[in-house]
């Protein structure tokens, strides 16, 4: 495992790359979902693509925990369970819920899998190897950061999952038309599912009170905010009479 100095350098590099990605994604559409295109090269089934992209972080985090000398630490075990709860859903439940037959570029799958693996080393490296041994005493589970962070984490998860369900149920079987989501937090933003995921990982950063968690929250925003802006523009063109651009924001209610 890296020294703490090397790990901190790793976090700085990841943060800088996140900022670069944030800028680039305002000019290039990541070619999956609404923005899928053949220019991204060979593709795989969308369901398979999501599993291949998300499962590596689920597996890598488990391995980092298993081979750690802190495997039985109760607070760190709670961190693991929260992290894995999200990625179990994202890797093995969400893909099976996808309706329709669409494609995902293999290049996107591989880039996503690479980042997810690096993120496992960010979170698992800090939690199970490099954080001070006494950083998370048993009383941490009743501390203010853990309570506030947990509320944000589970609140964001609920928003993310319910918003995905709203999008998924816009169409009836056999329907290929496009619709503007209007229920739940879609009353305030056009990418409520992205808002939920961002809040989730802000919560994780708070409940672990770590720079590793903060860098991941930054990455989440850097990846999703530009895409939310592109989706907003797309909806503005497709539904000019339905989308109230004065009230409905892109990703963060009332702000962005």
Protein backbone atom coordinates (compact mmCIF):
# COMPACT_ATOMS: atom_id res chain seq x y z
CA UNK A 1 0.00 0.00 0.00
CA UNK A 2 1.13 3.55 -0.72
CA UNK A 3 2.63 5.80 1.91
CA UNK A 4 0.35 8.56 3.17
CA UNK A 5 2.40 11.11 1.20
CA UNK A 6 2.01 9.14 -2.03
CA UNK A 7 -1.69 8.63 -1.32
CA UNK A 8 -2.23 12.37 -0.81
CA UNK A 9 -0.45 13.02 -4.13
CA UNK A 10 -2.76 10.45 -5.72
CA UNK A 11 -5.78 12.35 -4.37
CA UNK A 12 -4.44 15.66 -5.72
CA UNK A 13 -3.90 14.12 -9.16
CA UNK A 14 -7.40 12.63 -9.15
CA UNK A 15 -8.88 16.00 -8.15
CA UNK A 16 -7.04 17.80 -10.96
CA UNK A 17 -8.21 15.19 -13.49
CA UNK A 18 -11.78 15.66 -12.22
CA UNK A 19 -11.59 19.38 -13.02
CA UNK A 20 -10.23 18.63 -16.50
CA UNK A 21 -13.03 16.10 -17.08
CA UNK A 22 -15.59 18.67 -15.90
CA UNK A 23 -14.42 21.17 -18.53
CA UNK A 24 -14.13 18.58 -21.32
CA UNK A 25 -17.62 17.16 -20.81
CA UNK A 26 -19.16 20.52 -21.61
CA UNK A 27 -17.77 20.05 -25.13
CA UNK A 28 -17.97 16.28 -25.63
CA UNK A 29 -21.01 14.12 -24.91
CA UNK A 30 -20.17 10.84 -23.17
CA UNK A 31 -21.71 8.45 -25.66
CA UNK A 32 -24.13 6.42 -23.58
CA UNK A 33 -27.85 6.67 -22.89
CA UNK A 34 -29.42 9.66 -24.66
CA UNK A 35 -26.11 10.53 -26.32
CA UNK A 36 -25.10 7.12 -27.65
CA UNK A 37 -23.39 7.31 -31.03
CA UNK A 38 -21.38 4.97 -33.28
CA UNK A 39 -18.39 7.34 -33.23
CA UNK A 40 -17.43 5.83 -29.86
CA UNK A 41 -16.55 2.51 -31.50
CA UNK A 42 -17.60 -1.06 -30.66
CA UNK A 43 -20.47 -1.41 -28.22
CA UNK A 44 -22.09 -3.94 -25.92
CA UNK A 45 -25.61 -4.46 -24.63
CA UNK A 46 -26.52 -1.65 -22.23
CA UNK A 47 -27.31 -4.00 -19.35
CA UNK A 48 -24.03 -5.88 -19.74
CA UNK A 49 -22.17 -2.58 -20.07
CA UNK A 50 -23.49 -1.27 -16.76
CA UNK A 51 -22.56 -4.48 -14.97
CA UNK A 52 -19.04 -4.55 -16.42
CA UNK A 53 -18.53 -0.88 -15.59
CA UNK A 54 -19.82 -0.89 -12.01
CA UNK A 55 -18.99 -4.37 -10.69
CA UNK A 56 -15.18 -3.81 -10.50
CA UNK A 57 -15.52 -1.25 -7.69
CA UNK A 58 -17.85 -3.57 -5.76
CA UNK A 59 -15.35 -6.44 -6.03
CA UNK A 60 -12.22 -4.33 -5.45
CA UNK A 61 -13.67 -2.76 -2.29
CA UNK A 62 -14.50 -6.21 -0.91
CA UNK A 63 -10.96 -7.42 -1.58
CA UNK A 64 -9.40 -4.35 0.04
CA UNK A 65 -11.54 -4.97 3.12
CA UNK A 66 -10.86 -8.72 3.22
CA UNK A 67 -7.07 -8.39 3.11
CA UNK A 68 -6.99 -5.52 5.60
CA UNK A 69 -5.89 -5.95 9.20
CA UNK A 70 -8.90 -3.77 10.10
CA UNK A 71 -11.43 -6.21 8.69
CA UNK A 72 -13.32 -6.53 11.97
CA UNK A 73 -13.33 -2.86 12.88
CA UNK A 74 -17.06 -2.08 13.39
CA UNK A 75 -17.07 1.51 12.11
CA UNK A 76 -15.04 0.72 9.02
CA UNK A 77 -17.31 -2.25 8.40
CA UNK A 78 -20.30 0.12 8.42
CA UNK A 79 -18.51 2.31 5.87
CA UNK A 80 -18.00 -0.77 3.71
CA UNK A 81 -21.64 -1.82 3.93
CA UNK A 82 -22.87 1.64 2.93
CA UNK A 83 -20.48 1.83 -0.02
CA UNK A 84 -21.31 -1.68 -1.17
CA UNK A 85 -25.04 -1.10 -0.77
CA UNK A 86 -24.89 1.53 -3.49
CA UNK A 87 -22.69 -0.51 -5.80
CA UNK A 88 -24.60 -3.75 -5.34
CA UNK A 89 -27.68 -1.93 -6.59
CA UNK A 90 -25.79 -0.16 -9.37
CA UNK A 91 -23.97 -3.32 -10.52
CA UNK A 92 -26.57 -6.05 -10.22
CA UNK A 93 -30.05 -4.55 -9.78
CA UNK A 94 -30.15 -1.35 -11.84
CA UNK A 95 -28.93 -3.02 -15.07
CA UNK A 96 -31.68 -5.63 -14.87
CA UNK A 97 -34.29 -2.91 -14.53
CA UNK A 98 -33.30 -1.20 -17.78
CA UNK A 99 -36.08 -1.37 -20.34
CA UNK A 100 -35.57 -1.58 -24.06
CA UNK A 101 -32.56 -2.77 -25.99
CA UNK A 102 -29.86 -0.14 -26.27
CA UNK A 103 -26.09 -0.14 -26.60
CA UNK A 104 -23.17 1.22 -24.61
CA UNK A 105 -19.75 1.90 -26.18
CA UNK A 106 -17.08 -0.48 -24.94
CA UNK A 107 -14.73 2.50 -24.57
CA UNK A 108 -17.15 4.10 -22.07
CA UNK A 109 -17.42 0.80 -20.19
CA UNK A 110 -13.64 0.49 -19.93
CA UNK A 111 -13.10 4.11 -18.86
CA UNK A 112 -15.83 3.76 -16.26
CA UNK A 113 -14.40 0.49 -14.96
CA UNK A 114 -10.93 2.08 -14.69
CA UNK A 115 -12.21 5.05 -12.72
CA UNK A 116 -14.33 2.84 -10.47
CA UNK A 117 -11.32 0.67 -9.67
CA UNK A 118 -9.23 3.75 -8.86
CA UNK A 119 -12.05 4.99 -6.67
CA UNK A 120 -12.04 1.71 -4.76
CA UNK A 121 -8.37 2.35 -4.01
CA UNK A 122 -9.20 5.90 -2.94
CA UNK A 123 -11.96 4.92 -0.53
CA UNK A 124 -10.68 1.51 0.54
CA UNK A 125 -7.09 2.68 0.73
CA UNK A 126 -8.03 5.40 3.18
CA UNK A 127 -10.61 3.51 5.23
CA UNK A 128 -8.82 0.18 5.61
CA UNK A 129 -5.11 1.02 5.34
CA UNK A 130 -4.01 4.65 5.64
CA UNK A 131 -6.41 6.35 8.05
CA UNK A 132 -5.01 6.54 11.60
CA UNK A 133 -5.88 3.48 13.63
CA UNK A 134 -7.87 5.59 16.10
CA UNK A 135 -9.56 7.78 13.47
CA UNK A 136 -12.89 6.00 13.80
CA UNK A 137 -13.59 4.90 17.40
CA UNK A 138 -16.86 3.14 18.18
CA UNK A 139 -18.36 6.49 19.21
CA UNK A 140 -17.98 7.69 15.61
CA UNK A 141 -21.33 6.05 14.80
CA UNK A 142 -23.06 8.60 17.04
CA UNK A 143 -20.93 11.58 15.98
CA UNK A 144 -22.35 14.58 14.14
CA UNK A 145 -20.42 13.91 10.88
CA UNK A 146 -21.67 10.32 10.75
CA UNK A 147 -25.29 11.24 11.50
CA UNK A 148 -25.41 14.15 9.05
CA UNK A 149 -23.52 12.20 6.40
CA UNK A 150 -25.80 9.17 6.78
CA UNK A 151 -28.91 11.33 6.37
CA UNK A 152 -27.44 12.80 3.18
CA UNK A 153 -26.30 9.38 1.95
CA UNK A 154 -29.64 7.64 2.37
CA UNK A 155 -31.61 10.69 1.27
CA UNK A 156 -29.56 10.89 -1.90
CA UNK A 157 -29.93 7.17 -2.50
CA UNK A 158 -33.72 7.39 -2.24
CA UNK A 159 -33.81 10.34 -4.64
CA UNK A 160 -31.50 8.55 -7.08
CA UNK A 161 -33.43 5.28 -7.11
CA UNK A 162 -36.91 6.82 -7.22
CA UNK A 163 -35.86 9.25 -9.96
CA UNK A 164 -34.46 6.40 -12.05
CA UNK A 165 -37.80 4.63 -11.59
CA UNK A 166 -39.71 7.72 -12.77
CA UNK A 167 -37.61 7.86 -15.94
CA UNK A 168 -37.93 4.12 -16.48
CA UNK A 169 -41.72 4.23 -16.23
CA UNK A 170 -42.24 7.16 -18.60
CA UNK A 171 -42.81 4.72 -21.44
CA UNK A 172 -45.22 1.84 -21.65
CA UNK A 173 -44.08 -1.41 -23.33
CA UNK A 174 -43.61 -0.87 -27.03
CA UNK A 175 -43.68 2.94 -26.75
CA UNK A 176 -40.71 4.72 -28.33
CA UNK A 177 -41.82 8.33 -27.82
CA UNK A 178 -39.85 10.77 -25.64
CA UNK A 179 -41.38 12.30 -22.52
CA UNK A 180 -40.37 14.98 -20.04
CA UNK A 181 -40.19 13.62 -16.47
CA UNK A 182 -42.25 15.81 -14.14
CA UNK A 183 -42.74 13.86 -10.90
CA UNK A 184 -40.68 13.94 -7.70
CA UNK A 185 -37.70 16.25 -7.80
CA UNK A 186 -38.07 16.49 -11.56
CA UNK A 187 -40.40 19.36 -10.68
CA UNK A 188 -37.24 21.32 -9.86
CA UNK A 189 -34.46 19.80 -11.97
CA UNK A 190 -34.25 17.84 -15.20
CA UNK A 191 -31.64 15.44 -13.78
CA UNK A 192 -33.04 14.56 -10.36
CA UNK A 193 -31.33 11.15 -10.50
CA UNK A 194 -27.95 12.85 -10.84
CA UNK A 195 -28.74 15.19 -7.96
CA UNK A 196 -29.53 12.19 -5.76
CA UNK A 197 -26.26 10.47 -6.61
CA UNK A 198 -24.26 13.63 -5.95
CA UNK A 199 -25.92 14.11 -2.54
CA UNK A 200 -25.25 10.46 -1.76
CA UNK A 201 -21.51 10.81 -2.20
CA UNK A 202 -21.35 14.17 -0.46
CA UNK A 203 -22.95 12.28 2.43
CA UNK A 204 -20.31 9.55 2.23
CA UNK A 205 -17.54 12.15 2.30
CA UNK A 206 -19.11 13.69 5.40
CA UNK A 207 -19.75 10.44 7.26
CA UNK A 208 -16.17 9.25 6.64
CA UNK A 209 -14.84 12.82 7.10
CA UNK A 210 -12.14 12.12 4.55
CA UNK A 211 -10.41 13.82 1.65
CA UNK A 212 -10.81 10.58 -0.30
CA UNK A 213 -14.57 10.88 0.02
CA UNK A 214 -14.43 14.58 -0.92
CA UNK A 215 -12.47 13.82 -4.10
CA UNK A 216 -15.06 11.22 -5.08
CA UNK A 217 -17.87 13.74 -4.48
CA UNK A 218 -15.94 16.18 -6.71
CA UNK A 219 -15.65 13.49 -9.39
CA UNK A 220 -19.36 12.78 -9.16
CA UNK A 221 -20.18 16.44 -9.75
CA UNK A 222 -17.57 16.78 -12.50
CA UNK A 223 -18.99 13.80 -14.36
CA UNK A 224 -22.70 14.46 -13.88
CA UNK A 225 -23.10 18.27 -13.92
CA UNK A 226 -22.00 18.75 -17.56
CA UNK A 227 -24.19 15.84 -18.63
CA UNK A 228 -27.11 17.36 -16.72
CA UNK A 229 -26.55 20.59 -18.65
CA UNK A 230 -26.63 18.73 -21.98
CA UNK A 231 -29.82 16.92 -20.96
CA UNK A 232 -31.36 20.26 -19.98
CA UNK A 233 -30.54 21.69 -23.40
CA UNK A 234 -31.97 18.60 -25.08
CA UNK A 235 -35.22 18.83 -23.13
CA UNK A 236 -35.42 22.57 -23.85
CA UNK A 237 -35.40 21.79 -27.56
CA UNK A 238 -37.71 18.79 -27.38
CA UNK A 239 -40.26 20.23 -24.93
CA UNK A 240 -40.19 24.03 -25.31
CA UNK A 241 -43.80 24.33 -24.16
CA UNK A 242 -43.53 21.93 -21.22
CA UNK A 243 -40.21 22.80 -19.60
CA UNK A 244 -40.43 25.90 -17.41
CA UNK A 245 -36.83 27.08 -17.68
CA UNK A 246 -37.46 29.88 -15.18
CA UNK A 247 -38.23 27.39 -12.40
CA UNK A 248 -36.65 24.09 -13.39
CA UNK A 249 -32.86 23.88 -13.03
CA UNK A 250 -30.39 21.35 -14.39
CA UNK A 251 -29.18 19.30 -11.43
CA UNK A 252 -29.27 21.16 -8.11
CA UNK A 253 -32.69 22.58 -7.17
CA UNK A 254 -32.86 26.39 -7.18
CA UNK A 255 -29.12 26.71 -7.90
CA UNK A 256 -27.93 24.91 -11.03
